[in-house]
Amino acid sequence: MLILAFGTVSCQQKQPQKQSQAKASVITFDQLMEQVIGKEVQLIDLRTDDEYKAGFIDDAIQMNFLEKETFIQQIETLDKSKPVYVYCHSGGRSGRATKLLKEKGFLQIFDYSGGYSEWSVKSKKE
């Protein structure tokens, strides 16, 4: 009986470790330029349709984070084993999306928290 109880505790402790293997990192404009621009990566624009139509970064795919059910269906089409880069307008939605992506099993998540607002200014200077 003691072994069974220990085994149960041991299994419960392994599950959180699996989740902690997911890495989420905030990246800067310079890191985005180096790691994403001109490369084939999973770059997700979390903004609304109107925001996206006004301009977007590189080859970003728009997935409106504010439409939760649709967003969850859309992220299921992504490759969870490959890095995912996310951004929104200024970092609020991307921070929340990062948590959701971790919960859904994505292993490498990069949050460009400067968002499109920073990108639109800094990319013009490059």
Foldseek 3Di string as FASTA:
>chain_A
DVVVVVVVVVVVVVVVVLLVLADEEEDEPVVCVVPPAPDDAAEEEQDDPVVVVVDDGHPHDYQPVVVPVSNVVVCVPDDLAGEHEYAYAAAPSQVVVSVVSSVVRRRHYYYHRRHPPNCVVVVVVD
